[in-house]
Amino acid sequence: MDVGHGLFGDPLLPRVYTFTVNVTGPYGPMDPLTYVVDLSALGDTSLQRDTVTWATKDIAKHLKEGLKAQVQQAKAVTRLAEYVGKEIEVRHNPNPPQNT
């Protein structure tokens, strides 16, 4: 089911699925874990109209754009911190030594 609009376009297809995970760890069996996944939460996303592959690429694109913005913000904060540090230094030392 790679095409999201196939799922969301058919109102008869189920939207809620229950998964139970049974595992045996290094110290023996673990208690089963049950997860309920409601795909209705994805109904207004790009998965409604695109393939899962395309939607994943779209999400990755937005994550890269977000990362770029965060890097720019971090650089701006660094420049601001340097400026504030210099201002504090000047205010605490109003008479710096003169170069002769």
N, C-alpha and C. Protein backbone atom coordinates (compact mmCIF):
# COMPACT_ATOMS: atom_id res chain seq x y z
N MET A 1 0.85 -1.16 0.00
CA MET A 1 0.00 0.00 0.00
C MET A 1 0.90 1.23 0.00
N ASP A 2 1.53 1.50 -1.13
CA ASP A 2 2.43 2.63 -1.23
C ASP A 2 1.71 3.93 -1.54
N VAL A 3 0.52 3.86 -2.07
CA VAL A 3 -0.18 5.07 -2.47
C VAL A 3 -1.16 5.47 -1.37
N GLY A 4 -0.87 6.60 -0.72
CA GLY A 4 -1.68 7.05 0.40
C GLY A 4 -3.09 7.40 0.00
N HIS A 5 -3.26 8.00 -1.20
CA HIS A 5 -4.62 8.40 -1.58
C HIS A 5 -5.52 7.19 -1.79
N GLY A 6 -4.94 6.01 -2.02
CA GLY A 6 -5.74 4.80 -2.12
C GLY A 6 -6.38 4.44 -0.79
N LEU A 7 -5.63 4.63 0.29
CA LEU A 7 -6.16 4.36 1.62
C LEU A 7 -7.16 5.42 2.03
N PHE A 8 -6.78 6.68 1.87
CA PHE A 8 -7.64 7.76 2.35
C PHE A 8 -8.81 8.03 1.40
N GLY A 9 -8.70 7.57 0.16
CA GLY A 9 -9.78 7.78 -0.79
C GLY A 9 -10.92 6.79 -0.65
N ASP A 10 -10.67 5.67 0.01
CA ASP A 10 -11.69 4.64 0.18
C ASP A 10 -12.20 4.66 1.62
N PRO A 11 -13.40 5.15 1.87
CA PRO A 11 -13.90 5.26 3.24
C PRO A 11 -14.17 3.90 3.89
N LEU A 12 -14.17 2.82 3.10
CA LEU A 12 -14.44 1.49 3.67
C LEU A 12 -13.19 0.83 4.26
N LEU A 13 -12.02 1.32 3.89
CA LEU A 13 -10.79 0.74 4.42
C LEU A 13 -10.60 1.17 5.87
N PRO A 14 -10.12 0.25 6.71
CA PRO A 14 -9.92 0.60 8.12
C PRO A 14 -8.80 1.62 8.28
N ARG A 15 -8.93 2.46 9.27
CA ARG A 15 -7.92 3.49 9.56
C ARG A 15 -7.16 3.18 10.86
N VAL A 16 -7.73 2.33 11.71
CA VAL A 16 -7.11 2.03 13.00
C VAL A 16 -6.64 0.59 13.00
N TYR A 17 -5.38 0.40 13.36
CA TYR A 17 -4.78 -0.93 13.39
C TYR A 17 -4.15 -1.14 14.76
N THR A 18 -4.20 -2.37 15.23
CA THR A 18 -3.59 -2.73 16.51
C THR A 18 -2.46 -3.72 16.24
N PHE A 19 -1.29 -3.42 16.82
CA PHE A 19 -0.11 -4.27 16.68
C PHE A 19 0.30 -4.74 18.05
N THR A 20 0.59 -6.03 18.16
CA THR A 20 1.11 -6.57 19.41
C THR A 20 2.50 -7.12 19.14
N VAL A 21 3.45 -6.71 19.97
CA VAL A 21 4.84 -7.13 19.81
C VAL A 21 5.17 -8.09 20.95
N ASN A 22 5.55 -9.30 20.57
CA ASN A 22 5.99 -10.31 21.53
C ASN A 22 7.47 -10.58 21.27
N VAL A 23 8.30 -10.40 22.29
CA VAL A 23 9.74 -10.61 22.10
C VAL A 23 10.32 -11.41 23.26
N THR A 24 11.44 -12.02 22.96
CA THR A 24 12.23 -12.67 23.99
C THR A 24 13.58 -11.98 24.00
N GLY A 25 13.90 -11.37 25.13
CA GLY A 25 15.16 -10.64 25.28
C GLY A 25 16.24 -11.55 25.80
N PRO A 26 17.39 -10.98 26.10
CA PRO A 26 18.52 -11.79 26.58
C PRO A 26 18.24 -12.44 27.94
N TYR A 27 17.25 -11.93 28.68
CA TYR A 27 16.91 -12.49 29.98
C TYR A 27 15.57 -13.20 29.97
N GLY A 28 15.10 -13.56 28.78
CA GLY A 28 13.85 -14.29 28.69
C GLY A 28 12.74 -13.47 28.04
N PRO A 29 11.52 -14.01 28.06
CA PRO A 29 10.40 -13.33 27.42
C PRO A 29 10.05 -12.02 28.12
N MET A 30 9.61 -11.07 27.33
CA MET A 30 9.17 -9.77 27.84
C MET A 30 7.65 -9.73 27.79
N ASP A 31 7.07 -8.84 28.58
CA ASP A 31 5.62 -8.65 28.50
C ASP A 31 5.27 -8.13 27.10
N PRO A 32 4.18 -8.61 26.54
CA PRO A 32 3.79 -8.12 25.21
C PRO A 32 3.45 -6.62 25.26
N LEU A 33 3.79 -5.91 24.19
CA LEU A 33 3.45 -4.50 24.05
C LEU A 33 2.43 -4.38 22.94
N THR A 34 1.38 -3.64 23.20
CA THR A 34 0.32 -3.45 22.20
C THR A 34 0.26 -1.98 21.82
N TYR A 35 0.26 -1.73 20.52
CA TYR A 35 0.21 -0.38 19.99
C TYR A 35 -1.04 -0.24 19.12
N VAL A 36 -1.71 0.88 19.26
CA VAL A 36 -2.84 1.20 18.40
C VAL A 36 -2.39 2.35 17.51
N VAL A 37 -2.47 2.14 16.20
CA VAL A 37 -2.06 3.16 15.23
C VAL A 37 -3.31 3.63 14.49
N ASP A 38 -3.58 4.92 14.60
CA ASP A 38 -4.72 5.51 13.92
C ASP A 38 -4.22 6.34 12.74
N LEU A 39 -4.39 5.81 11.54
CA LEU A 39 -3.91 6.47 10.34
C LEU A 39 -4.74 7.70 9.98
N SER A 40 -5.86 7.90 10.64
CA SER A 40 -6.66 9.10 10.40
C SER A 40 -5.87 10.36 10.70
N ALA A 41 -4.91 10.25 11.61
CA ALA A 41 -4.07 11.40 11.96
C ALA A 41 -3.25 11.87 10.77
N LEU A 42 -3.05 11.02 9.79
CA LEU A 42 -2.28 11.37 8.60
C LEU A 42 -3.15 11.84 7.45
N GLY A 43 -4.45 11.89 7.67
CA GLY A 43 -5.39 12.20 6.59
C GLY A 43 -5.20 13.54 5.94
N ASP A 44 -4.74 14.54 6.67
CA ASP A 44 -4.55 15.87 6.10
C ASP A 44 -3.10 16.16 5.75
N THR A 45 -2.29 15.14 5.68
CA THR A 45 -0.89 15.32 5.33
C THR A 45 -0.68 14.99 3.87
N SER A 46 0.57 15.09 3.43
CA SER A 46 0.88 14.78 2.03
C SER A 46 0.67 13.30 1.72
N LEU A 47 0.57 12.45 2.75
CA LEU A 47 0.33 11.03 2.48
C LEU A 47 -1.04 10.80 1.87
N GLN A 48 -1.93 11.77 2.03
CA GLN A 48 -3.26 11.62 1.47
C GLN A 48 -3.22 11.65 -0.06
N ARG A 49 -2.25 12.37 -0.61
CA ARG A 49 -2.24 12.53 -2.06
C ARG A 49 -1.01 11.93 -2.73
N ASP A 50 0.05 11.67 -2.00
CA ASP A 50 1.30 11.22 -2.59
C ASP A 50 1.62 9.78 -2.19
N THR A 51 2.61 9.23 -2.87
CA THR A 51 3.10 7.93 -2.46
C THR A 51 3.90 8.11 -1.18
N VAL A 52 4.09 7.04 -0.45
CA VAL A 52 4.87 7.09 0.77
C VAL A 52 6.29 7.54 0.45
N THR A 53 6.84 7.03 -0.67
CA THR A 53 8.20 7.41 -1.06
C THR A 53 8.28 8.90 -1.30
N TRP A 54 7.33 9.46 -2.04
CA TRP A 54 7.37 10.89 -2.33
C TRP A 54 7.18 11.70 -1.05
N ALA A 55 6.25 11.28 -0.21
CA ALA A 55 6.00 11.99 1.05
C ALA A 55 7.26 11.99 1.92
N THR A 56 7.98 10.87 1.94
CA THR A 56 9.22 10.78 2.72
C THR A 56 10.25 11.77 2.19
N LYS A 57 10.36 11.87 0.88
CA LYS A 57 11.30 12.84 0.29
C LYS A 57 10.88 14.26 0.63
N ASP A 58 9.59 14.52 0.62
CA ASP A 58 9.08 15.85 0.94
C ASP A 58 9.39 16.19 2.40
N ILE A 59 9.19 15.24 3.29
CA ILE A 59 9.50 15.45 4.70
C ILE A 59 11.00 15.71 4.88
N ALA A 60 11.84 14.94 4.19
CA ALA A 60 13.29 15.13 4.28
C ALA A 60 13.69 16.52 3.81
N LYS A 61 13.05 16.99 2.75
CA LYS A 61 13.33 18.33 2.22
C LYS A 61 13.03 19.39 3.28
N HIS A 62 11.89 19.26 3.94
CA HIS A 62 11.52 20.24 4.97
C HIS A 62 12.46 20.15 6.17
N LEU A 63 12.90 18.94 6.51
CA LEU A 63 13.86 18.80 7.62
C LEU A 63 15.18 19.48 7.28
N LYS A 64 15.64 19.36 6.04
CA LYS A 64 16.89 20.02 5.62
C LYS A 64 16.74 21.53 5.69
N GLU A 65 15.59 22.04 5.26
CA GLU A 65 15.35 23.48 5.32
C GLU A 65 15.34 23.96 6.77
N GLY A 66 14.73 23.16 7.65
CA GLY A 66 14.71 23.51 9.07
C GLY A 66 16.11 23.51 9.67
N LEU A 67 16.92 22.52 9.27
CA LEU A 67 18.30 22.45 9.76
C LEU A 67 19.09 23.67 9.30
N LYS A 68 18.91 24.07 8.05
CA LYS A 68 19.61 25.24 7.52
C LYS A 68 19.25 26.48 8.33
N ALA A 69 17.97 26.64 8.63
CA ALA A 69 17.52 27.79 9.42
C ALA A 69 18.11 27.75 10.83
N GLN A 70 18.20 26.56 11.41
CA GLN A 70 18.76 26.44 12.76
C GLN A 70 20.24 26.79 12.76
N VAL A 71 20.97 26.38 11.72
CA VAL A 71 22.39 26.70 11.62
C VAL A 71 22.57 28.21 11.52
N GLN A 72 21.76 28.87 10.68
CA GLN A 72 21.83 30.33 10.55
C GLN A 72 21.51 31.01 11.88
N GLN A 73 20.53 30.49 12.58
CA GLN A 73 20.16 31.07 13.87
C GLN A 73 21.30 30.89 14.87
N ALA A 74 21.94 29.73 14.88
CA ALA A 74 23.05 29.48 15.80
C ALA A 74 24.21 30.44 15.50
N LYS A 75 24.48 30.69 14.23
CA LYS A 75 25.55 31.63 13.87
C LYS A 75 25.21 33.04 14.35
N ALA A 76 23.95 33.44 14.19
CA ALA A 76 23.53 34.77 14.63
C ALA A 76 23.65 34.90 16.15
N VAL A 77 23.29 33.86 16.87
CA VAL A 77 23.40 33.89 18.33
C VAL A 77 24.86 33.97 18.74
N THR A 78 25.73 33.27 18.03
CA THR A 78 27.16 33.32 18.32
C THR A 78 27.70 34.73 18.11
N ARG A 79 27.32 35.37 16.99
CA ARG A 79 27.77 36.74 16.73
C ARG A 79 27.24 37.69 17.80
N LEU A 80 26.00 37.51 18.20
CA LEU A 80 25.42 38.35 19.24
C LEU A 80 26.16 38.17 20.56
N ALA A 81 26.46 36.94 20.91
CA ALA A 81 27.18 36.66 22.16
C ALA A 81 28.56 37.29 22.14
N GLU A 82 29.24 37.23 21.00
CA GLU A 82 30.55 37.85 20.88
C GLU A 82 30.45 39.36 21.05
N TYR A 83 29.43 39.96 20.43
CA TYR A 83 29.23 41.41 20.54
C TYR A 83 28.95 41.81 21.98
N VAL A 84 28.05 41.09 22.63
CA VAL A 84 27.71 41.39 24.02
C VAL A 84 28.94 41.23 24.90
N GLY A 85 29.73 40.17 24.66
CA GLY A 85 30.94 39.96 25.45
C GLY A 85 31.91 41.12 25.31
N LYS A 86 32.08 41.63 24.09
CA LYS A 86 32.98 42.77 23.87
C LYS A 86 32.43 44.02 24.54
N GLU A 87 31.12 44.24 24.46
CA GLU A 87 30.51 45.40 25.11
C GLU A 87 30.69 45.34 26.62
N ILE A 88 30.52 44.19 27.20
CA ILE A 88 30.71 44.04 28.65
C ILE A 88 32.15 44.33 29.01
N GLU A 89 33.08 43.84 28.21
CA GLU A 89 34.50 44.07 28.47
C GLU A 89 34.82 45.56 28.41
N VAL A 90 34.29 46.26 27.41
CA VAL A 90 34.54 47.70 27.27
C VAL A 90 33.95 48.45 28.47
N ARG A 91 32.78 48.09 28.90
CA ARG A 91 32.12 48.80 30.01
C ARG A 91 32.81 48.55 31.35
N HIS A 92 33.44 47.38 31.49
CA HIS A 92 34.16 47.09 32.73
C HIS A 92 35.57 47.64 32.70
N ASN A 93 36.05 47.99 31.55
CA ASN A 93 37.39 48.53 31.40
C ASN A 93 37.30 49.79 30.54
N PRO A 94 36.80 50.90 31.09
CA PRO A 94 36.55 52.08 30.27
C PRO A 94 37.81 52.76 29.76
N ASN A 95 38.95 52.51 30.38
CA ASN A 95 40.22 53.14 29.97
C ASN A 95 41.21 52.09 29.50
N PRO A 96 41.03 51.55 28.30
CA PRO A 96 41.97 50.52 27.84
C PRO A 96 43.34 51.14 27.59
N PRO A 97 44.39 50.33 27.68
CA PRO A 97 45.74 50.87 27.46
C PRO A 97 45.87 51.41 26.03
N GLN A 98 46.58 52.56 25.91
CA GLN A 98 46.78 53.19 24.62
C GLN A 98 48.02 52.62 23.95
N ASN A 99 47.91 52.38 22.65
CA ASN A 99 49.07 51.93 21.88
C ASN A 99 49.91 53.16 21.55
N THR A 100 51.18 53.10 21.86
CA THR A 100 52.06 54.24 21.54
C THR A 100 53.14 53.85 20.59
